[in-house]
Amino acid sequence: MEIGAQIFFTEYSISPTDLAMALEERGFDSLWVAEHSHIPVKRRFTHPLGEAALTKEYFDVMDPFVTLSAAAAVTKKLELATAICLVIQRDTIQTAKSVASLDQISRGRFLFGIGCGWNAEEIEDHGTAYETRTLKMREQIEAMKEIWTKDVAEYHGKIVDFPPMNAWPKPVQKPHPPVIVGGAFRLAARRALRYGNGILPAAPGAGSGGPQEFMPHWRRMAEEAGRDLHSLSVTLGGAPEDLDALKRNRELGVSRMTVRLPPTKAEEILPILDRWAKLIPQVRN
C-alpha cells in the first residue's frame, strides 16, 4: 500500500512546489489536490459531512491543473492527482486537453480523480443541470477517452455531443491516465466499474462505510462486472498515524491512503511529513 498526501492549496498554504519536493524527498507516492470554482452564497444542500465541514479553504482553493503543473516541474517520481476534479463544471474538450497536457508535462504521472459534486448552485452556475450531472460525467469521460486515444474523435451523447475533430496532445499514459471515481462507495463503485480505473470512496460519515465493510463488496462487484481487480485501485483519504490500522487496510486490499494536510505554511506541515517519512517504509514492508 502506498501513502499519498492531499491538500487544498491556497494563497496562505505551503506552495505547490515546496510541498511536492518535500513529499518526494520523504517517500510519499502522490499529491492529491481539491477543486471548487466558487462557493455560492445561497445553497440548498450542505456539505456531505455537515455545514461545519465547509471550512475556509473550500472558498479559497486554487485551480488544480495550475498547482499540479507547478508540482510536476519540480519532481520526477511523485504522482499528481485531482481529488476531485469537478468535471461536470468544466468544458469537456478543454478538460481533455488539460489532462493530456499535464500528463505530458509530468511524463505520465497524472491520476484523474473525478466526481460529480454536491453543491447544486455551484454546478448550475456552470450551466450543468444538477439532476443529470451523473449522466453528463459519464458522457464526458467517454468523450475524453475518444479524444485521448483517436486521431479523429467524435462523440454523440444525450448531453455531450461533437462532430469529428482533431485534438492534441495525447497523454503519455496509454490508453490514458487512470480515471479514479470519487463519491460514496455504493455510487462510485458502479461508475468506476463502468468507465473508471479505480475508486476514491468518500468518508465513512458521507455514506461509504469503512473499508472492512465495502472492500468485500468491491471484490464481488468487480468479479461480476468482469473487471480485473488488480487493475483497479482503491484510494482512501484520512490516513491515520497508526501502523496497525494502516496494515489492516493494506491487508483488506486498499491500494493507497492519503494524509490530509491543513492549508497552512511549511513550518506546520513539514513536521507532519517527517513523522510520516518514518511510517511509510513500514507500511510498504
C-alpha atoms as a PDB file:
ATOM      1  CA  MET A   1       0.000   0.000   0.000  1.00  0.00           C
ATOM      2  CA  GLU A   2       1.229   3.471  -0.905  1.00  0.00           C
ATOM      3  CA  ILE A   3       0.874   6.672   1.098  1.00  0.00           C
ATOM      4  CA  GLY A   4      -0.022   9.978  -0.570  1.00  0.00           C
ATOM      5  CA  ALA A   5      -0.979  13.411   0.690  1.00  0.00           C
ATOM      6  CA  GLN A   6      -3.964  15.627  -0.040  1.00  0.00           C
ATOM      7  CA  ILE A   7      -4.369  19.370   0.403  1.00  0.00           C
ATOM      8  CA  PHE A   8      -6.348  22.455  -0.556  1.00  0.00           C
ATOM      9  CA  PHE A   9      -3.704  24.794  -1.972  1.00  0.00           C
ATOM     10  CA  THR A  10      -4.493  28.409  -1.146  1.00  0.00           C
ATOM     11  CA  GLU A  11      -2.615  31.711  -1.060  1.00  0.00           C
ATOM     12  CA  TYR A  12      -1.928  31.105   2.636  1.00  0.00           C
ATOM     13  CA  SER A  13      -0.841  27.447   2.394  1.00  0.00           C
ATOM     14  CA  ILE A  14       2.526  25.917   1.635  1.00  0.00           C
ATOM     15  CA  SER A  15       3.304  26.366  -2.075  1.00  0.00           C
ATOM     16  CA  PRO A  16       2.727  23.520  -4.553  1.00  0.00           C
ATOM     17  CA  THR A  17       6.425  23.406  -5.420  1.00  0.00           C
ATOM     18  CA  ASP A  18       7.622  23.288  -1.808  1.00  0.00           C
ATOM     19  CA  LEU A  19       5.129  20.610  -0.814  1.00  0.00           C
ATOM     20  CA  ALA A  20       5.742  18.465  -3.894  1.00  0.00           C
ATOM     21  CA  MET A  21       9.503  18.415  -3.312  1.00  0.00           C
ATOM     22  CA  ALA A  22       9.031  17.671   0.387  1.00  0.00           C
ATOM     23  CA  LEU A  23       6.692  14.773  -0.375  1.00  0.00           C
ATOM     24  CA  GLU A  24       9.007  13.224  -2.942  1.00  0.00           C
ATOM     25  CA  GLU A  25      12.000  13.516  -0.618  1.00  0.00           C
ATOM     26  CA  ARG A  26      10.114  11.704   2.159  1.00  0.00           C
ATOM     27  CA  GLY A  27       8.801   8.771   0.145  1.00  0.00           C
ATOM     28  CA  PHE A  28       5.195   9.768  -0.472  1.00  0.00           C
ATOM     29  CA  ASP A  29       3.898   8.357  -3.732  1.00  0.00           C
ATOM     30  CA  SER A  30       1.352  11.012  -4.704  1.00  0.00           C
ATOM     31  CA  LEU A  31      -0.084  14.510  -4.231  1.00  0.00           C
ATOM     32  CA  TRP A  32      -3.880  14.960  -4.396  1.00  0.00           C
ATOM     33  CA  VAL A  33      -5.497  18.381  -4.745  1.00  0.00           C
ATOM     34  CA  ALA A  34      -9.083  19.567  -4.434  1.00  0.00           C
ATOM     35  CA  GLU A  35     -11.255  21.722  -6.673  1.00  0.00           C
ATOM     36  CA  HIS A  36     -14.055  24.243  -6.231  1.00  0.00           C
ATOM     37  CA  SER A  37     -14.521  27.049  -8.706  1.00  0.00           C
ATOM     38  CA  HIS A  38     -16.534  29.060  -6.158  1.00  0.00           C
ATOM     39  CA  ILE A  39     -18.992  28.622  -3.295  1.00  0.00           C
ATOM     40  CA  PRO A  40     -22.403  30.228  -3.876  1.00  0.00           C
ATOM     41  CA  VAL A  41     -23.724  32.336  -1.005  1.00  0.00           C
ATOM     42  CA  LYS A  42     -27.102  30.577  -1.011  1.00  0.00           C
ATOM     43  CA  ARG A  43     -27.064  26.767  -1.049  1.00  0.00           C
ATOM     44  CA  ARG A  44     -29.930  24.296  -0.832  1.00  0.00           C
ATOM     45  CA  PHE A  45     -27.604  21.416   0.151  1.00  0.00           C
ATOM     46  CA  THR A  46     -24.883  21.335   2.754  1.00  0.00           C
ATOM     47  CA  HIS A  47     -21.509  19.600   2.745  1.00  0.00           C
ATOM     48  CA  PRO A  48     -21.893  15.782   2.997  1.00  0.00           C
ATOM     49  CA  LEU A  49     -20.170  15.919   6.398  1.00  0.00           C
ATOM     50  CA  GLY A  50     -22.219  18.867   7.627  1.00  0.00           C
ATOM     51  CA  GLU A  51     -22.045  22.646   7.282  1.00  0.00           C
ATOM     52  CA  ALA A  52     -19.175  22.838   9.785  1.00  0.00           C
ATOM     53  CA  ALA A  53     -17.019  20.904   7.309  1.00  0.00           C
ATOM     54  CA  LEU A  54     -17.309  23.719   4.758  1.00  0.00           C
ATOM     55  CA  THR A  55     -14.219  25.493   6.051  1.00  0.00           C
ATOM     56  CA  LYS A  56     -12.377  28.494   4.632  1.00  0.00           C
ATOM     57  CA  GLU A  57     -10.152  26.540   2.220  1.00  0.00           C
ATOM     58  CA  TYR A  58     -13.220  25.443   0.222  1.00  0.00           C
ATOM     59  CA  PHE A  59     -13.783  29.081  -0.688  1.00  0.00           C
ATOM     60  CA  ASP A  60     -10.108  29.816  -1.379  1.00  0.00           C
ATOM     61  CA  VAL A  61      -8.747  26.725  -3.153  1.00  0.00           C
ATOM     62  CA  MET A  62      -6.620  27.258  -6.267  1.00  0.00           C
ATOM     63  CA  ASP A  63      -7.123  25.641  -9.679  1.00  0.00           C
ATOM     64  CA  PRO A  64      -5.877  22.029  -9.581  1.00  0.00           C
ATOM     65  CA  PHE A  65      -4.292  21.946 -13.037  1.00  0.00           C
ATOM     66  CA  VAL A  66      -2.257  25.057 -12.254  1.00  0.00           C
ATOM     67  CA  THR A  67      -0.986  23.788  -8.909  1.00  0.00           C
ATOM     68  CA  LEU A  68      -0.237  20.296 -10.196  1.00  0.00           C
ATOM     69  CA  SER A  69       1.660  21.709 -13.170  1.00  0.00           C
ATOM     70  CA  ALA A  70       3.871  23.623 -10.744  1.00  0.00           C
ATOM     71  CA  ALA A  71       4.393  20.439  -8.731  1.00  0.00           C
ATOM     72  CA  ALA A  72       5.235  18.473 -11.870  1.00  0.00           C
ATOM     73  CA  ALA A  73       8.008  20.906 -12.770  1.00  0.00           C
ATOM     74  CA  VAL A  74      10.000  20.225  -9.577  1.00  0.00           C
ATOM     75  CA  THR A  75       9.510  16.457  -9.185  1.00  0.00           C
ATOM     76  CA  LYS A  76      10.400  13.302 -11.079  1.00  0.00           C
ATOM     77  CA  LYS A  77       8.524  10.410  -9.438  1.00  0.00           C
ATOM     78  CA  LEU A  78       5.633  11.887  -7.471  1.00  0.00           C
ATOM     79  CA  GLU A  79       2.235  11.071  -8.976  1.00  0.00           C
ATOM     80  CA  LEU A  80      -0.052  14.074  -9.361  1.00  0.00           C
ATOM     81  CA  ALA A  81      -3.762  13.702  -8.795  1.00  0.00           C
ATOM     82  CA  THR A  82      -7.057  15.534  -8.537  1.00  0.00           C
ATOM     83  CA  ALA A  83      -9.278  14.686  -5.573  1.00  0.00           C
ATOM     84  CA  ILE A  84     -11.532  15.541  -7.069  1.00  0.00           C
ATOM     85  CA  CYS A  85     -11.855  17.330 -10.384  1.00  0.00           C
ATOM     86  CA  LEU A  86     -15.430  18.511 -10.810  1.00  0.00           C
ATOM     87  CA  VAL A  87     -15.617  17.599 -14.485  1.00  0.00           C
ATOM     88  CA  ILE A  88     -19.324  18.390 -14.667  1.00  0.00           C
ATOM     89  CA  GLN A  89     -18.411  22.062 -14.145  1.00  0.00           C
ATOM     90  CA  ARG A  90     -15.799  22.013 -16.922  1.00  0.00           C
ATOM     91  CA  ASP A  91     -15.827  22.083 -20.707  1.00  0.00           C
ATOM     92  CA  THR A  92     -15.245  18.532 -21.946  1.00  0.00           C
ATOM     93  CA  ILE A  93     -12.896  19.254 -24.846  1.00  0.00           C
ATOM     94  CA  GLN A  94     -10.792  21.776 -22.937  1.00  0.00           C
ATOM     95  CA  THR A  95     -10.524  19.473 -19.921  1.00  0.00           C
ATOM     96  CA  ALA A  96      -9.348  16.630 -22.152  1.00  0.00           C
ATOM     97  CA  LYS A  97      -6.566  18.943 -23.352  1.00  0.00           C
ATOM     98  CA  SER A  98      -5.680  19.985 -19.789  1.00  0.00           C
ATOM     99  CA  VAL A  99      -5.407  16.357 -18.679  1.00  0.00           C
ATOM    100  CA  ALA A 100      -3.277  15.369 -21.659  1.00  0.00           C
ATOM    101  CA  SER A 101      -1.069  18.443 -21.283  1.00  0.00           C
ATOM    102  CA  LEU A 102      -0.433  17.761 -17.588  1.00  0.00           C
ATOM    103  CA  ASP A 103       0.291  14.118 -18.350  1.00  0.00           C
ATOM    104  CA  GLN A 104       2.818  15.258 -20.956  1.00  0.00           C
ATOM    105  CA  ILE A 105       4.456  17.825 -18.655  1.00  0.00           C
ATOM    106  CA  SER A 106       4.719  15.261 -15.839  1.00  0.00           C
ATOM    107  CA  ARG A 107       5.884  12.484 -18.200  1.00  0.00           C
ATOM    108  CA  GLY A 108       2.967  10.237 -17.407  1.00  0.00           C
ATOM    109  CA  ARG A 109       2.360  10.908 -13.704  1.00  0.00           C
ATOM    110  CA  PHE A 110      -1.207  12.225 -13.684  1.00  0.00           C
ATOM    111  CA  LEU A 111      -4.102  10.464 -11.907  1.00  0.00           C
ATOM    112  CA  PHE A 112      -7.511  11.815 -12.934  1.00  0.00           C
ATOM    113  CA  GLY A 113      -9.691  11.735  -9.826  1.00  0.00           C
ATOM    114  CA  ILE A 114     -13.208  12.848 -10.729  1.00  0.00           C
ATOM    115  CA  GLY A 115     -16.580  13.413  -9.110  1.00  0.00           C
ATOM    116  CA  CYS A 116     -19.957  14.967  -9.792  1.00  0.00           C
ATOM    117  CA  GLY A 117     -20.160  17.129  -6.679  1.00  0.00           C
ATOM    118  CA  TRP A 118     -22.810  18.001  -4.111  1.00  0.00           C
ATOM    119  CA  ASN A 119     -23.090  21.794  -4.366  1.00  0.00           C
ATOM    120  CA  ALA A 120     -26.090  22.245  -6.645  1.00  0.00           C
ATOM    121  CA  GLU A 121     -25.759  26.003  -7.119  1.00  0.00           C
ATOM    122  CA  GLU A 122     -22.040  25.779  -7.897  1.00  0.00           C
ATOM    123  CA  ILE A 123     -22.795  23.126 -10.527  1.00  0.00           C
ATOM    124  CA  GLU A 124     -25.721  25.041 -12.019  1.00  0.00           C
ATOM    125  CA  ASP A 125     -23.704  28.263 -12.241  1.00  0.00           C
ATOM    126  CA  HIS A 126     -21.631  26.443 -14.881  1.00  0.00           C
ATOM    127  CA  GLY A 127     -24.711  25.587 -16.946  1.00  0.00           C
ATOM    128  CA  THR A 128     -24.983  21.957 -15.800  1.00  0.00           C
ATOM    129  CA  ALA A 129     -28.331  20.564 -14.669  1.00  0.00           C
ATOM    130  CA  TYR A 130     -27.934  19.118 -11.175  1.00  0.00           C
ATOM    131  CA  GLU A 131     -30.393  16.286 -11.842  1.00  0.00           C
ATOM    132  CA  THR A 132     -28.467  14.917 -14.854  1.00  0.00           C
ATOM    133  CA  ARG A 133     -24.931  15.614 -13.664  1.00  0.00           C
ATOM    134  CA  THR A 134     -24.021  11.917 -13.302  1.00  0.00           C
ATOM    135  CA  LEU A 135     -25.065  11.200 -16.886  1.00  0.00           C
ATOM    136  CA  LYS A 136     -23.029  14.179 -18.027  1.00  0.00           C
ATOM    137  CA  MET A 137     -19.954  12.953 -16.135  1.00  0.00           C
ATOM    138  CA  ARG A 138     -20.126   9.523 -17.764  1.00  0.00           C
ATOM    139  CA  GLU A 139     -20.528  11.030 -21.217  1.00  0.00           C
ATOM    140  CA  GLN A 140     -17.674  13.464 -20.569  1.00  0.00           C
ATOM    141  CA  ILE A 141     -15.286  10.659 -19.634  1.00  0.00           C
ATOM    142  CA  GLU A 142     -16.377   8.548 -22.588  1.00  0.00           C
ATOM    143  CA  ALA A 143     -15.865  11.553 -24.878  1.00  0.00           C
ATOM    144  CA  MET A 144     -12.442  12.373 -23.369  1.00  0.00           C
ATOM    145  CA  LYS A 145     -11.317   8.790 -23.970  1.00  0.00           C
ATOM    146  CA  GLU A 146     -12.190   9.247 -27.638  1.00  0.00           C
ATOM    147  CA  ILE A 147     -10.137  12.461 -27.750  1.00  0.00           C
ATOM    148  CA  TRP A 148      -7.167  10.920 -25.899  1.00  0.00           C
ATOM    149  CA  THR A 149      -6.986   7.746 -27.978  1.00  0.00           C
ATOM    150  CA  LYS A 150      -8.022   8.668 -31.527  1.00  0.00           C
ATOM    151  CA  ASP A 151      -6.569  10.969 -34.158  1.00  0.00           C
ATOM    152  CA  VAL A 152     -10.103  11.707 -35.351  1.00  0.00           C
ATOM    153  CA  ALA A 153     -12.511  11.771 -32.409  1.00  0.00           C
ATOM    154  CA  GLU A 154     -16.241  12.264 -32.253  1.00  0.00           C
ATOM    155  CA  TYR A 155     -18.896  11.668 -29.630  1.00  0.00           C
ATOM    156  CA  HIS A 156     -22.667  11.784 -29.694  1.00  0.00           C
ATOM    157  CA  GLY A 157     -24.411  11.517 -26.338  1.00  0.00           C
ATOM    158  CA  LYS A 158     -27.532  12.974 -24.819  1.00  0.00           C
ATOM    159  CA  ILE A 159     -25.586  15.864 -23.256  1.00  0.00           C
ATOM    160  CA  VAL A 160     -22.052  15.785 -24.694  1.00  0.00           C
ATOM    161  CA  ASP A 161     -22.016  15.941 -28.470  1.00  0.00           C
ATOM    162  CA  PHE A 162     -19.392  16.938 -31.017  1.00  0.00           C
ATOM    163  CA  PRO A 163     -18.607  16.054 -34.651  1.00  0.00           C
ATOM    164  CA  PRO A 164     -15.298  14.599 -35.894  1.00  0.00           C
ATOM    165  CA  MET A 165     -12.364  16.621 -34.601  1.00  0.00           C
ATOM    166  CA  ASN A 166      -8.586  16.575 -34.181  1.00  0.00           C
ATOM    167  CA  ALA A 167      -7.077  17.335 -30.771  1.00  0.00           C
ATOM    168  CA  TRP A 168      -3.569  17.060 -29.377  1.00  0.00           C
ATOM    169  CA  PRO A 169      -1.519  16.474 -27.316  1.00  0.00           C
ATOM    170  CA  LYS A 170      -2.330  12.887 -26.446  1.00  0.00           C
ATOM    171  CA  PRO A 171      -1.479  11.642 -22.943  1.00  0.00           C
ATOM    172  CA  VAL A 172       1.798   9.851 -22.244  1.00  0.00           C
ATOM    173  CA  GLN A 173      -0.007   7.079 -20.378  1.00  0.00           C
ATOM    174  CA  LYS A 174      -1.717   4.591 -22.649  1.00  0.00           C
ATOM    175  CA  PRO A 175      -4.522   4.409 -23.337  1.00  0.00           C
ATOM    176  CA  HIS A 176      -4.973   7.391 -20.971  1.00  0.00           C
ATOM    177  CA  PRO A 177      -4.340   8.458 -17.352  1.00  0.00           C
ATOM    178  CA  PRO A 178      -6.236   6.380 -14.785  1.00  0.00           C
ATOM    179  CA  VAL A 179      -9.763   7.651 -14.167  1.00  0.00           C
ATOM    180  CA  ILE A 180     -10.469   7.335 -10.436  1.00  0.00           C
ATOM    181  CA  VAL A 181     -14.077   7.907  -9.440  1.00  0.00           C
ATOM    182  CA  GLY A 182     -14.851   9.606  -6.129  1.00  0.00           C
ATOM    183  CA  GLY A 183     -18.031   9.575  -4.085  1.00  0.00           C
ATOM    184  CA  ALA A 184     -19.993   7.433  -1.654  1.00  0.00           C
ATOM    185  CA  PHE A 185     -18.904   3.840  -2.209  1.00  0.00           C
ATOM    186  CA  ARG A 186     -22.220   2.435  -3.443  1.00  0.00           C
ATOM    187  CA  LEU A 187     -22.332   5.033  -6.223  1.00  0.00           C
ATOM    188  CA  ALA A 188     -18.652   5.489  -7.031  1.00  0.00           C
ATOM    189  CA  ALA A 189     -18.092   1.734  -7.321  1.00  0.00           C
ATOM    190  CA  ARG A 190     -20.740   1.276 -10.006  1.00  0.00           C
ATOM    191  CA  ARG A 191     -19.430   4.211 -12.003  1.00  0.00           C
ATOM    192  CA  ALA A 192     -15.809   3.136 -11.673  1.00  0.00           C
ATOM    193  CA  LEU A 193     -16.566  -0.384 -12.875  1.00  0.00           C
ATOM    194  CA  ARG A 194     -18.409   1.038 -15.890  1.00  0.00           C
ATOM    195  CA  TYR A 195     -15.878   3.611 -17.054  1.00  0.00           C
ATOM    196  CA  GLY A 196     -13.096   4.065 -14.488  1.00  0.00           C
ATOM    197  CA  ASN A 197      -9.855   2.555 -13.252  1.00  0.00           C
ATOM    198  CA  GLY A 198     -10.329   2.899  -9.503  1.00  0.00           C
ATOM    199  CA  ILE A 199     -12.347   4.406  -6.687  1.00  0.00           C
ATOM    200  CA  LEU A 200     -11.857   7.150  -4.129  1.00  0.00           C
ATOM    201  CA  PRO A 201     -14.611   6.414  -1.587  1.00  0.00           C
ATOM    202  CA  ALA A 202     -15.952   9.305   0.461  1.00  0.00           C
ATOM    203  CA  ALA A 203     -15.521   9.349   4.221  1.00  0.00           C
ATOM    204  CA  PRO A 204     -17.486   6.753   6.223  1.00  0.00           C
ATOM    205  CA  GLY A 205     -19.721   9.544   7.553  1.00  0.00           C
ATOM    206  CA  ALA A 206     -20.612  10.536   3.987  1.00  0.00           C
ATOM    207  CA  GLY A 207     -22.131   7.170   3.190  1.00  0.00           C
ATOM    208  CA  SER A 208     -19.249   4.876   2.282  1.00  0.00           C
ATOM    209  CA  GLY A 209     -18.764   2.931   5.491  1.00  0.00           C
ATOM    210  CA  GLY A 210     -15.353   1.607   6.449  1.00  0.00           C
ATOM    211  CA  PRO A 211     -13.067  -0.489   4.226  1.00  0.00           C
ATOM    212  CA  GLN A 212     -13.855  -3.616   6.233  1.00  0.00           C
ATOM    213  CA  GLU A 213     -17.439  -3.147   5.046  1.00  0.00           C
ATOM    214  CA  PHE A 214     -17.034  -2.102   1.429  1.00  0.00           C
ATOM    215  CA  MET A 215     -13.931  -3.980   0.286  1.00  0.00           C
ATOM    216  CA  PRO A 216     -15.690  -7.398   0.152  1.00  0.00           C
ATOM    217  CA  HIS A 217     -18.489  -5.771  -1.858  1.00  0.00           C
ATOM    218  CA  TRP A 218     -15.911  -4.169  -4.147  1.00  0.00           C
ATOM    219  CA  ARG A 219     -14.264  -7.517  -4.902  1.00  0.00           C
ATOM    220  CA  ARG A 220     -17.605  -9.144  -5.643  1.00  0.00           C
ATOM    221  CA  MET A 221     -18.785  -6.254  -7.826  1.00  0.00           C
ATOM    222  CA  ALA A 222     -15.555  -6.285  -9.838  1.00  0.00           C
ATOM    223  CA  GLU A 223     -15.866 -10.018 -10.427  1.00  0.00           C
ATOM    224  CA  GLU A 224     -19.496  -9.702 -11.511  1.00  0.00           C
ATOM    225  CA  ALA A 225     -18.557  -6.855 -13.881  1.00  0.00           C
ATOM    226  CA  GLY A 226     -15.744  -8.908 -15.404  1.00  0.00           C
ATOM    227  CA  ARG A 227     -13.100  -6.427 -14.290  1.00  0.00           C
ATOM    228  CA  ASP A 228      -9.606  -7.436 -13.161  1.00  0.00           C
ATOM    229  CA  LEU A 229      -9.401  -6.399  -9.527  1.00  0.00           C
ATOM    230  CA  HIS A 230      -5.625  -5.916  -9.800  1.00  0.00           C
ATOM    231  CA  SER A 231      -6.165  -3.215 -12.432  1.00  0.00           C
ATOM    232  CA  LEU A 232      -8.498  -1.227 -10.170  1.00  0.00           C
ATOM    233  CA  SER A 233      -7.093   0.982  -7.420  1.00  0.00           C
ATOM    234  CA  VAL A 234      -8.745   1.877  -4.110  1.00  0.00           C
ATOM    235  CA  THR A 235      -7.561   5.157  -2.562  1.00  0.00           C
ATOM    236  CA  LEU A 236      -8.763   6.190   0.892  1.00  0.00           C
ATOM    237  CA  GLY A 237      -8.375   9.603   2.492  1.00  0.00           C
ATOM    238  CA  GLY A 238      -7.694  10.329   6.131  1.00  0.00           C
ATOM    239  CA  ALA A 239      -4.721   8.042   6.720  1.00  0.00           C
ATOM    240  CA  PRO A 240      -4.173   7.607  10.486  1.00  0.00           C
ATOM    241  CA  GLU A 241      -0.719   7.795  12.062  1.00  0.00           C
ATOM    242  CA  ASP A 242      -1.275   4.249  13.297  1.00  0.00           C
ATOM    243  CA  LEU A 243       0.827   1.481  11.779  1.00  0.00           C
ATOM    244  CA  ASP A 244      -1.520  -1.307  12.833  1.00  0.00           C
ATOM    245  CA  ALA A 245      -4.541   0.450  11.314  1.00  0.00           C
ATOM    246  CA  LEU A 246      -2.623   1.126   8.108  1.00  0.00           C
ATOM    247  CA  LYS A 247      -1.570  -2.514   7.838  1.00  0.00           C
ATOM    248  CA  ARG A 248      -5.156  -3.672   8.378  1.00  0.00           C
ATOM    249  CA  ASN A 249      -6.286  -1.557   5.433  1.00  0.00           C
ATOM    250  CA  ARG A 250      -3.407  -2.884   3.365  1.00  0.00           C
ATOM    251  CA  GLU A 251      -4.482  -6.436   4.146  1.00  0.00           C
ATOM    252  CA  LEU A 252      -8.044  -5.593   3.108  1.00  0.00           C
ATOM    253  CA  GLY A 253      -6.727  -4.655  -0.337  1.00  0.00           C
ATOM    254  CA  VAL A 254      -6.606  -0.861  -0.119  1.00  0.00           C
ATOM    255  CA  SER A 255      -4.088   0.402  -2.710  1.00  0.00           C
ATOM    256  CA  ARG A 256      -3.295   3.771  -1.143  1.00  0.00           C
ATOM    257  CA  MET A 257      -4.166   6.035   1.756  1.00  0.00           C
ATOM    258  CA  THR A 258      -3.716   9.781   1.740  1.00  0.00           C
ATOM    259  CA  VAL A 259      -2.721  12.049   4.607  1.00  0.00           C
ATOM    260  CA  ARG A 260      -4.968  15.096   4.949  1.00  0.00           C
ATOM    261  CA  LEU A 261      -2.775  18.159   5.287  1.00  0.00           C
ATOM    262  CA  PRO A 262      -4.043  21.512   6.573  1.00  0.00           C
ATOM    263  CA  PRO A 263      -3.806  24.544   4.247  1.00  0.00           C
ATOM    264  CA  THR A 264      -1.007  26.035   6.322  1.00  0.00           C
ATOM    265  CA  LYS A 265       2.613  27.050   5.906  1.00  0.00           C
ATOM    266  CA  ALA A 266       5.657  24.805   5.702  1.00  0.00           C
ATOM    267  CA  GLU A 267       6.608  25.163   9.354  1.00  0.00           C
ATOM    268  CA  GLU A 268       3.391  23.386  10.362  1.00  0.00           C
ATOM    269  CA  ILE A 269       3.319  20.830   7.550  1.00  0.00           C
ATOM    270  CA  LEU A 270       6.927  19.630   7.420  1.00  0.00           C
ATOM    271  CA  PRO A 271       6.885  18.112  10.938  1.00  0.00           C
ATOM    272  CA  ILE A 272       3.818  16.077   9.897  1.00  0.00           C
ATOM    273  CA  LEU A 273       5.648  14.841   6.805  1.00  0.00           C
ATOM    274  CA  ASP A 274       8.733  13.971   8.851  1.00  0.00           C
ATOM    275  CA  ARG A 275       6.663  11.714  11.099  1.00  0.00           C
ATOM    276  CA  TRP A 276       5.140  10.010   8.078  1.00  0.00           C
ATOM    277  CA  ALA A 277       8.576   9.517   6.495  1.00  0.00           C
ATOM    278  CA  LYS A 278       9.289   7.056   9.309  1.00  0.00           C
ATOM    279  CA  LEU A 279       5.962   5.217   8.879  1.00  0.00           C
ATOM    280  CA  ILE A 280       5.930   4.866   5.111  1.00  0.00           C
ATOM    281  CA  PRO A 281       8.687   2.216   4.802  1.00  0.00           C
ATOM    282  CA  GLN A 282       6.952   0.139   7.493  1.00  0.00           C
ATOM    283  CA  VAL A 283       3.643   0.282   5.638  1.00  0.00           C
ATOM    284  CA  ARG A 284       5.292  -0.995   2.467  1.00  0.00           C
ATOM    285  CA  ASN A 285       7.041  -3.944   4.166  1.00  0.00           C
END
